[in-house]
Amino acid sequence: MLYIICYDIADEGRRGRVAKTLLDFGRRLEESVFAANLDEELAEQMRGRLMKLVDEFEDTVHLFPMCGACAGKMEVLGKGEKPEERMFYVL
């Protein structure tokens, strides 16, 4: 399933650690927006790692699962690229 993940992290150090973690699961679309094609197990691993990093009183992370039909309707305006489904990522 395709996940769109975006965040608003106050602390620069935490923000960097969150970004690095998300790069283990997908790719960056914008400064604080990532796309990741994950099965249930990898999605849980990502959530678990993020929960250890995020300060629940200062930070916000949104995880948007997108079904195949919704992901297929995604539009990109301008020079951005539509996230492509990859069979695997090298970690």
PDB file of N, CA and C in Angstrom:
ATOM      1  N   MET A   1       0.840  -1.166   0.000  1.00  0.00           N
ATOM      2  CA  MET A   1       0.000   0.000   0.000  1.00  0.00           C
ATOM      3  C   MET A   1       0.891   1.237   0.000  1.00  0.00           C
ATOM      4  N   LEU A   2       0.472   2.235  -0.742  1.00  0.00           N
ATOM      5  CA  LEU A   2       1.208   3.495  -0.776  1.00  0.00           C
ATOM      6  C   LEU A   2       0.830   4.332   0.440  1.00  0.00           C
ATOM      7  N   TYR A   3       1.825   4.836   1.130  1.00  0.00           N
ATOM      8  CA  TYR A   3       1.622   5.759   2.249  1.00  0.00           C
ATOM      9  C   TYR A   3       2.240   7.095   1.883  1.00  0.00           C
ATOM     10  N   ILE A   4       1.522   8.154   2.156  1.00  0.00           N
ATOM     11  CA  ILE A   4       2.075   9.498   2.086  1.00  0.00           C
ATOM     12  C   ILE A   4       2.286   9.920   3.536  1.00  0.00           C
ATOM     13  N   ILE A   5       3.488  10.330   3.865  1.00  0.00           N
ATOM     14  CA  ILE A   5       3.845  10.700   5.237  1.00  0.00           C
ATOM     15  C   ILE A   5       4.342  12.134   5.224  1.00  0.00           C
ATOM     16  N   CYS A   6       3.783  12.950   6.089  1.00  0.00           N
ATOM     17  CA  CYS A   6       4.259  14.332   6.208  1.00  0.00           C
ATOM     18  C   CYS A   6       4.395  14.671   7.682  1.00  0.00           C
ATOM     19  N   TYR A   7       5.248  15.627   7.971  1.00  0.00           N
ATOM     20  CA  TYR A   7       5.503  15.944   9.369  1.00  0.00           C
ATOM     21  C   TYR A   7       5.762  17.425   9.565  1.00  0.00           C
ATOM     22  N   ASP A   8       5.568  17.825  10.818  1.00  0.00           N
ATOM     23  CA  ASP A   8       5.937  19.153  11.309  1.00  0.00           C
ATOM     24  C   ASP A   8       6.653  18.898  12.620  1.00  0.00           C
ATOM     25  N   ILE A   9       7.963  18.981  12.602  1.00  0.00           N
ATOM     26  CA  ILE A   9       8.793  18.641  13.757  1.00  0.00           C
ATOM     27  C   ILE A   9       9.541  19.894  14.184  1.00  0.00           C
ATOM     28  N   ALA A  10       9.381  20.258  15.441  1.00  0.00           N
ATOM     29  CA  ALA A  10       9.955  21.499  15.953  1.00  0.00           C
ATOM     30  C   ALA A  10      11.483  21.456  16.076  1.00  0.00           C
ATOM     31  N   ASP A  11      12.006  20.374  16.599  1.00  0.00           N
ATOM     32  CA  ASP A  11      13.431  20.265  16.893  1.00  0.00           C
ATOM     33  C   ASP A  11      14.216  19.802  15.662  1.00  0.00           C
ATOM     34  N   GLU A  12      15.260  20.522  15.314  1.00  0.00           N
ATOM     35  CA  GLU A  12      16.052  20.212  14.117  1.00  0.00           C
ATOM     36  C   GLU A  12      16.659  18.814  14.165  1.00  0.00           C
ATOM     37  N   GLY A  13      17.170  18.425  15.314  1.00  0.00           N
ATOM     38  CA  GLY A  13      17.774  17.099  15.456  1.00  0.00           C
ATOM     39  C   GLY A  13      16.759  15.989  15.257  1.00  0.00           C
ATOM     40  N   ARG A  14      15.601  16.115  15.919  1.00  0.00           N
ATOM     41  CA  ARG A  14      14.539  15.118  15.753  1.00  0.00           C
ATOM     42  C   ARG A  14      14.052  15.088  14.317  1.00  0.00           C
ATOM     43  N   ARG A  15      13.914  16.261  13.723  1.00  0.00           N
ATOM     44  CA  ARG A  15      13.455  16.355  12.331  1.00  0.00           C
ATOM     45  C   ARG A  15      14.400  15.578  11.404  1.00  0.00           C
ATOM     46  N   GLY A  16      15.689  15.716  11.618  1.00  0.00           N
ATOM     47  CA  GLY A  16      16.662  14.988  10.820  1.00  0.00           C
ATOM     48  C   GLY A  16      16.576  13.485  11.025  1.00  0.00           C
ATOM     49  N   ARG A  17      16.388  13.064  12.275  1.00  0.00           N
ATOM     50  CA  ARG A  17      16.270  11.632  12.556  1.00  0.00           C
ATOM     51  C   ARG A  17      14.997  11.050  11.949  1.00  0.00           C
ATOM     52  N   VAL A  18      13.909  11.806  11.994  1.00  0.00           N
ATOM     53  CA  VAL A  18      12.658  11.350  11.379  1.00  0.00           C
ATOM     54  C   VAL A  18      12.839  11.226   9.868  1.00  0.00           C
ATOM     55  N   ALA A  19      13.448  12.219   9.241  1.00  0.00           N
ATOM     56  CA  ALA A  19      13.672  12.177   7.790  1.00  0.00           C
ATOM     57  C   ALA A  19      14.544  10.983   7.420  1.00  0.00           C
ATOM     58  N   LYS A  20      15.606  10.748   8.172  1.00  0.00           N
ATOM     59  CA  LYS A  20      16.497   9.620   7.894  1.00  0.00           C
ATOM     60  C   LYS A  20      15.749   8.297   8.032  1.00  0.00           C
ATOM     61  N   THR A  21      14.906   8.194   9.030  1.00  0.00           N
ATOM     62  CA  THR A  21      14.099   6.990   9.220  1.00  0.00           C
ATOM     63  C   THR A  21      13.163   6.779   8.043  1.00  0.00           C
ATOM     64  N   LEU A  22      12.501   7.845   7.607  1.00  0.00           N
ATOM     65  CA  LEU A  22      11.564   7.716   6.494  1.00  0.00           C
ATOM     66  C   LEU A  22      12.274   7.332   5.201  1.00  0.00           C
ATOM     67  N   LEU A  23      13.504   7.765   5.032  1.00  0.00           N
ATOM     68  CA  LEU A  23      14.272   7.380   3.852  1.00  0.00           C
ATOM     69  C   LEU A  23      14.585   5.881   3.835  1.00  0.00           C
ATOM     70  N   ASP A  24      14.554   5.238   5.001  1.00  0.00           N
ATOM     71  CA  ASP A  24      14.727   3.787   5.068  1.00  0.00           C
ATOM     72  C   ASP A  24      13.523   3.050   4.478  1.00  0.00           C
ATOM     73  N   PHE A  25      12.380   3.742   4.376  1.00  0.00           N
ATOM     74  CA  PHE A  25      11.140   3.094   3.943  1.00  0.00           C
ATOM     75  C   PHE A  25      10.620   3.587   2.594  1.00  0.00           C
ATOM     76  N   GLY A  26      11.036   4.760   2.177  1.00  0.00           N
ATOM     77  CA  GLY A  26      10.498   5.315   0.939  1.00  0.00           C
ATOM     78  C   GLY A  26      11.384   6.430   0.420  1.00  0.00           C
ATOM     79  N   ARG A  27      10.738   7.376  -0.278  1.00  0.00           N
ATOM     80  CA  ARG A  27      11.520   8.476  -0.841  1.00  0.00           C
ATOM     81  C   ARG A  27      10.860   9.810  -0.536  1.00  0.00           C
ATOM     82  N   ARG A  28      11.692  10.818  -0.555  1.00  0.00           N
ATOM     83  CA  ARG A  28      11.242  12.178  -0.255  1.00  0.00           C
ATOM     84  C   ARG A  28      10.581  12.766  -1.494  1.00  0.00           C
ATOM     85  N   LEU A  29       9.383  13.344  -1.289  1.00  0.00           N
ATOM     86  CA  LEU A  29       8.687  14.058  -2.355  1.00  0.00           C
ATOM     87  C   LEU A  29       8.896  15.558  -2.227  1.00  0.00           C
ATOM     88  N   GLU A  30       8.862  16.030  -1.017  1.00  0.00           N
ATOM     89  CA  GLU A  30       9.068  17.442  -0.683  1.00  0.00           C
ATOM     90  C   GLU A  30       9.899  17.474   0.600  1.00  0.00           C
ATOM     91  N   GLU A  31      10.208  18.648   1.092  1.00  0.00           N
ATOM     92  CA  GLU A  31      11.062  18.773   2.282  1.00  0.00           C
ATOM     93  C   GLU A  31      10.558  17.919   3.453  1.00  0.00           C
ATOM     94  N   SER A  32       9.273  17.939   3.716  1.00  0.00           N
ATOM     95  CA  SER A  32       8.740  17.173   4.848  1.00  0.00           C
ATOM     96  C   SER A  32       7.618  16.230   4.420  1.00  0.00           C
ATOM     97  N   VAL A  33       7.690  15.748   3.187  1.00  0.00           N
ATOM     98  CA  VAL A  33       6.676  14.824   2.662  1.00  0.00           C
ATOM     99  C   VAL A  33       7.388  13.648   1.997  1.00  0.00           C
ATOM    100  N   PHE A  34       6.973  12.452   2.375  1.00  0.00           N
ATOM    101  CA  PHE A  34       7.574  11.229   1.859  1.00  0.00           C
ATOM    102  C   PHE A  34       6.489  10.310   1.303  1.00  0.00           C
ATOM    103  N   ALA A  35       6.886   9.423   0.405  1.00  0.00           N
ATOM    104  CA  ALA A  35       6.005   8.380  -0.119  1.00  0.00           C
ATOM    105  C   ALA A  35       6.700   7.045   0.105  1.00  0.00           C
ATOM    106  N   ALA A  36       5.915   6.057   0.539  1.00  0.00           N
ATOM    107  CA  ALA A  36       6.484   4.735   0.788  1.00  0.00           C
ATOM    108  C   ALA A  36       5.469   3.667   0.404  1.00  0.00           C
ATOM    109  N   ASN A  37       5.894   2.685  -0.366  1.00  0.00           N
ATOM    110  CA  ASN A  37       5.068   1.515  -0.679  1.00  0.00           C
ATOM    111  C   ASN A  37       5.435   0.431   0.325  1.00  0.00           C
ATOM    112  N   LEU A  38       4.501   0.124   1.218  1.00  0.00           N
ATOM    113  CA  LEU A  38       4.804  -0.781   2.327  1.00  0.00           C
ATOM    114  C   LEU A  38       3.732  -1.842   2.488  1.00  0.00           C
ATOM    115  N   ASP A  39       4.164  -3.031   2.873  1.00  0.00           N
ATOM    116  CA  ASP A  39       3.188  -4.029   3.298  1.00  0.00           C
ATOM    117  C   ASP A  39       2.892  -3.769   4.776  1.00  0.00           C
ATOM    118  N   GLU A  40       1.987  -4.537   5.347  1.00  0.00           N
ATOM    119  CA  GLU A  40       1.568  -4.317   6.747  1.00  0.00           C
ATOM    120  C   GLU A  40       2.751  -4.369   7.723  1.00  0.00           C
ATOM    121  N   GLU A  41       3.624  -5.347   7.525  1.00  0.00           N
ATOM    122  CA  GLU A  41       4.756  -5.519   8.442  1.00  0.00           C
ATOM    123  C   GLU A  41       5.697  -4.313   8.396  1.00  0.00           C
ATOM    124  N   LEU A  42       6.038  -3.855   7.197  1.00  0.00           N
ATOM    125  CA  LEU A  42       6.924  -2.693   7.087  1.00  0.00           C
ATOM    126  C   LEU A  42       6.257  -1.427   7.596  1.00  0.00           C
ATOM    127  N   ALA A  43       4.958  -1.296   7.372  1.00  0.00           N
ATOM    128  CA  ALA A  43       4.236  -0.127   7.881  1.00  0.00           C
ATOM    129  C   ALA A  43       4.293  -0.089   9.409  1.00  0.00           C
ATOM    130  N   GLU A  44       4.148  -1.238  10.037  1.00  0.00           N
ATOM    131  CA  GLU A  44       4.233  -1.309  11.499  1.00  0.00           C
ATOM    132  C   GLU A  44       5.642  -0.993  11.988  1.00  0.00           C
ATOM    133  N   GLN A  45       6.648  -1.485  11.273  1.00  0.00           N
ATOM    134  CA  GLN A  45       8.030  -1.172  11.636  1.00  0.00           C
ATOM    135  C   GLN A  45       8.275   0.333  11.547  1.00  0.00           C
ATOM    136  N   MET A  46       7.773   0.950  10.485  1.00  0.00           N
ATOM    137  CA  MET A  46       7.944   2.389  10.321  1.00  0.00           C
ATOM    138  C   MET A  46       7.251   3.142  11.457  1.00  0.00           C
ATOM    139  N   ARG A  47       6.000   2.772  11.750  1.00  0.00           N
ATOM    140  CA  ARG A  47       5.273   3.427  12.853  1.00  0.00           C
ATOM    141  C   ARG A  47       6.035   3.305  14.162  1.00  0.00           C
ATOM    142  N   GLY A  48       6.523   2.091  14.439  1.00  0.00           N
ATOM    143  CA  GLY A  48       7.249   1.860  15.688  1.00  0.00           C
ATOM    144  C   GLY A  48       8.495   2.725  15.799  1.00  0.00           C
ATOM    145  N   ARG A  49       9.243   2.808  14.725  1.00  0.00           N
ATOM    146  CA  ARG A  49      10.461   3.632  14.748  1.00  0.00           C
ATOM    147  C   ARG A  49      10.118   5.111  14.896  1.00  0.00           C
ATOM    148  N   LEU A  50       9.071   5.553  14.201  1.00  0.00           N
ATOM    149  CA  LEU A  50       8.677   6.958  14.311  1.00  0.00           C
ATOM    150  C   LEU A  50       8.180   7.292  15.716  1.00  0.00           C
ATOM    151  N   MET A  51       7.419   6.385  16.310  1.00  0.00           N
ATOM    152  CA  MET A  51       6.895   6.639  17.656  1.00  0.00           C
ATOM    153  C   MET A  51       8.016   6.844  18.677  1.00  0.00           C
ATOM    154  N   LYS A  52       9.149   6.188  18.459  1.00  0.00           N
ATOM    155  CA  LYS A  52      10.285   6.352  19.365  1.00  0.00           C
ATOM    156  C   LYS A  52      10.966   7.704  19.193  1.00  0.00           C
ATOM    157  N   LEU A  53      10.785   8.334  18.039  1.00  0.00           N
ATOM    158  CA  LEU A  53      11.462   9.599  17.741  1.00  0.00           C
ATOM    159  C   LEU A  53      10.607  10.841  18.014  1.00  0.00           C
ATOM    160  N   VAL A  54       9.323  10.724  17.813  1.00  0.00           N
ATOM    161  CA  VAL A  54       8.431  11.881  17.829  1.00  0.00           C
ATOM    162  C   VAL A  54       8.075  12.288  19.264  1.00  0.00           C
ATOM    163  N   ASP A  55       8.141  13.578  19.531  1.00  0.00           N
ATOM    164  CA  ASP A  55       7.696  14.131  20.807  1.00  0.00           C
ATOM    165  C   ASP A  55       6.202  14.399  20.686  1.00  0.00           C
ATOM    166  N   GLU A  56       5.403  13.655  21.430  1.00  0.00           N
ATOM    167  CA  GLU A  56       3.953  13.757  21.286  1.00  0.00           C
ATOM    168  C   GLU A  56       3.385  15.117  21.703  1.00  0.00           C
ATOM    169  N   PHE A  57       4.165  15.933  22.372  1.00  0.00           N
ATOM    170  CA  PHE A  57       3.685  17.239  22.805  1.00  0.00           C
ATOM    171  C   PHE A  57       4.138  18.373  21.887  1.00  0.00           C
ATOM    172  N   GLU A  58       5.109  18.116  21.018  1.00  0.00           N
ATOM    173  CA  GLU A  58       5.643  19.174  20.157  1.00  0.00           C
ATOM    174  C   GLU A  58       5.537  18.880  18.662  1.00  0.00           C
ATOM    175  N   ASP A  59       5.476  17.612  18.282  1.00  0.00           N
ATOM    176  CA  ASP A  59       5.587  17.230  16.879  1.00  0.00           C
ATOM    177  C   ASP A  59       4.276  16.679  16.338  1.00  0.00           C
ATOM    178  N   THR A  60       4.188  16.671  15.022  1.00  0.00           N
ATOM    179  CA  THR A  60       3.050  16.068  14.330  1.00  0.00           C
ATOM    180  C   THR A  60       3.572  15.276  13.143  1.00  0.00           C
ATOM    181  N   VAL A  61       3.092  14.041  13.010  1.00  0.00           N
ATOM    182  CA  VAL A  61       3.386  13.215  11.845  1.00  0.00           C
ATOM    183  C   VAL A  61       2.049  12.672  11.352  1.00  0.00           C
ATOM    184  N   HIS A  62       1.779  12.851  10.063  1.00  0.00           N
ATOM    185  CA  HIS A  62       0.566  12.315   9.452  1.00  0.00           C
ATOM    186  C   HIS A  62       0.954  11.163   8.543  1.00  0.00           C
ATOM    187  N   LEU A  63       0.238  10.042   8.675  1.00  0.00           N
ATOM    188  CA  LEU A  63       0.418   8.879   7.810  1.00  0.00           C
ATOM    189  C   LEU A  63      -0.882   8.688   7.046  1.00  0.00           C
ATOM    190  N   PHE A  64      -0.820   8.819   5.726  1.00  0.00           N
ATOM    191  CA  PHE A  64      -2.004   8.680   4.897  1.00  0.00           C
ATOM    192  C   PHE A  64      -1.882   7.425   4.044  1.00  0.00           C
ATOM    193  N   PRO A  65      -2.590   6.338   4.410  1.00  0.00           N
ATOM    194  CA  PRO A  65      -2.583   5.168   3.531  1.00  0.00           C
ATOM    195  C   PRO A  65      -3.474   5.450   2.330  1.00  0.00           C
ATOM    196  N   MET A  66      -3.013   5.047   1.156  1.00  0.00           N
ATOM    197  CA  MET A  66      -3.781   5.278  -0.068  1.00  0.00           C
ATOM    198  C   MET A  66      -4.039   3.943  -0.753  1.00  0.00           C
ATOM    199  N   CYS A  67      -5.302   3.634  -0.957  1.00  0.00           N
ATOM    200  CA  CYS A  67      -5.636   2.405  -1.677  1.00  0.00           C
ATOM    201  C   CYS A  67      -5.165   2.545  -3.121  1.00  0.00           C
ATOM    202  N   GLY A  68      -5.127   1.451  -3.843  1.00  0.00           N
ATOM    203  CA  GLY A  68      -4.665   1.467  -5.219  1.00  0.00           C
ATOM    204  C   GLY A  68      -5.467   2.407  -6.102  1.00  0.00           C
ATOM    205  N   ALA A  69      -6.788   2.444  -5.898  1.00  0.00           N
ATOM    206  CA  ALA A  69      -7.632   3.323  -6.702  1.00  0.00           C
ATOM    207  C   ALA A  69      -7.305   4.789  -6.432  1.00  0.00           C
ATOM    208  N   CYS A  70      -7.125   5.141  -5.162  1.00  0.00           N
ATOM    209  CA  CYS A  70      -6.806   6.533  -4.815  1.00  0.00           C
ATOM    210  C   CYS A  70      -5.410   6.918  -5.315  1.00  0.00           C
ATOM    211  N   ALA A  71      -4.451   6.025  -5.133  1.00  0.00           N
ATOM    212  CA  ALA A  71      -3.087   6.318  -5.582  1.00  0.00           C
ATOM    213  C   ALA A  71      -3.059   6.518  -7.093  1.00  0.00           C
ATOM    214  N   GLY A  72      -3.888   5.769  -7.816  1.00  0.00           N
ATOM    215  CA  GLY A  72      -3.944   5.901  -9.261  1.00  0.00           C
ATOM    216  C   GLY A  72      -4.520   7.226  -9.728  1.00  0.00           C
ATOM    217  N   LYS A  73      -5.289   7.872  -8.857  1.00  0.00           N
ATOM    218  CA  LYS A  73      -5.903   9.159  -9.197  1.00  0.00           C
ATOM    219  C   LYS A  73      -5.032  10.350  -8.794  1.00  0.00           C
ATOM    220  N   MET A  74      -3.897  10.076  -8.172  1.00  0.00           N
ATOM    221  CA  MET A  74      -3.022  11.147  -7.721  1.00  0.00           C
ATOM    222  C   MET A  74      -2.581  12.009  -8.895  1.00  0.00           C
ATOM    223  N   GLU A  75      -2.568  13.292  -8.702  1.00  0.00           N
ATOM    224  CA  GLU A  75      -2.104  14.225  -9.717  1.00  0.00           C
ATOM    225  C   GLU A  75      -0.895  14.973  -9.200  1.00  0.00           C
ATOM    226  N   VAL A  76      -0.004  15.298 -10.092  1.00  0.00           N
ATOM    227  CA  VAL A  76       1.159  16.109  -9.749  1.00  0.00           C
ATOM    228  C   VAL A  76       1.180  17.283 -10.715  1.00  0.00           C
ATOM    229  N   LEU A  77       1.205  18.465 -10.180  1.00  0.00           N
ATOM    230  CA  LEU A  77       1.279  19.674 -11.000  1.00  0.00           C
ATOM    231  C   LEU A  77       2.695  20.229 -10.909  1.00  0.00           C
ATOM    232  N   GLY A  78       3.194  20.758 -11.975  1.00  0.00           N
ATOM    233  CA  GLY A  78       4.548  21.304 -11.955  1.00  0.00           C
ATOM    234  C   GLY A  78       5.578  20.234 -12.213  1.00  0.00           C
ATOM    235  N   LYS A  79       6.775  20.436 -11.678  1.00  0.00           N
ATOM    236  CA  LYS A  79       7.902  19.563 -12.007  1.00  0.00           C
ATOM    237  C   LYS A  79       8.024  18.320 -11.134  1.00  0.00           C
ATOM    238  N   GLY A  80       7.157  18.174 -10.147  1.00  0.00           N
ATOM    239  CA  GLY A  80       7.226  17.012  -9.267  1.00  0.00           C
ATOM    240  C   GLY A  80       6.944  15.719  -9.996  1.00  0.00           C
ATOM    241  N   GLU A  81       7.293  14.611  -9.375  1.00  0.00           N
ATOM    242  CA  GLU A  81       7.073  13.292  -9.955  1.00  0.00           C
ATOM    243  C   GLU A  81       6.077  12.522  -9.116  1.00  0.00           C
ATOM    244  N   LYS A  82       5.224  11.771  -9.784  1.00  0.00           N
ATOM    245  CA  LYS A  82       4.284  10.897  -9.103  1.00  0.00           C
ATOM    246  C   LYS A  82       5.071   9.744  -8.484  1.00  0.00           C
ATOM    247  N   PRO A  83       4.809   9.401  -7.222  1.00  0.00           N
ATOM    248  CA  PRO A  83       5.547   8.286  -6.623  1.00  0.00           C
ATOM    249  C   PRO A  83       5.262   7.002  -7.391  1.00  0.00           C
ATOM    250  N   GLU A  84       6.302   6.283  -7.745  1.00  0.00           N
ATOM    251  CA  GLU A  84       6.113   5.038  -8.473  1.00  0.00           C
ATOM    252  C   GLU A  84       6.224   3.869  -7.524  1.00  0.00           C
ATOM    253  N   GLU A  85       5.494   2.823  -7.823  1.00  0.00           N
ATOM    254  CA  GLU A  85       5.540   1.632  -6.991  1.00  0.00           C
ATOM    255  C   GLU A  85       6.808   0.872  -7.296  1.00  0.00           C
ATOM    256  N   ARG A  86       7.566   0.598  -6.271  1.00  0.00           N
ATOM    257  CA  ARG A  86       8.784  -0.190  -6.418  1.00  0.00           C
ATOM    258  C   ARG A  86       8.603  -1.476  -5.664  1.00  0.00           C
ATOM    259  N   MET A  87       9.147  -2.519  -6.191  1.00  0.00           N
ATOM    260  CA  MET A  87       8.990  -3.828  -5.567  1.00  0.00           C
ATOM    261  C   MET A  87       9.748  -3.916  -4.252  1.00  0.00           C
ATOM    262  N   PHE A  88      10.864  -3.178  -4.123  1.00  0.00           N
ATOM    263  CA  PHE A  88      11.639  -3.228  -2.895  1.00  0.00           C
ATOM    264  C   PHE A  88      12.523  -2.003  -2.808  1.00  0.00           C
ATOM    265  N   TYR A  89      12.957  -1.735  -1.592  1.00  0.00           N
ATOM    266  CA  TYR A  89      13.949  -0.696  -1.343  1.00  0.00           C
ATOM    267  C   TYR A  89      15.138  -1.357  -0.676  1.00  0.00           C
ATOM    268  N   VAL A  90      16.319  -0.922  -1.019  1.00  0.00           N
ATOM    269  CA  VAL A  90      17.525  -1.430  -0.375  1.00  0.00           C
ATOM    270  C   VAL A  90      17.751  -0.609   0.877  1.00  0.00           C
ATOM    271  N   LEU A  91      17.793  -1.272   2.028  1.00  0.00           N
ATOM    272  CA  LEU A  91      17.972  -0.568   3.301  1.00  0.00           C
ATOM    273  C   LEU A  91      19.414  -0.667   3.757  1.00  0.00           C
TER     274      LEU A  91
END
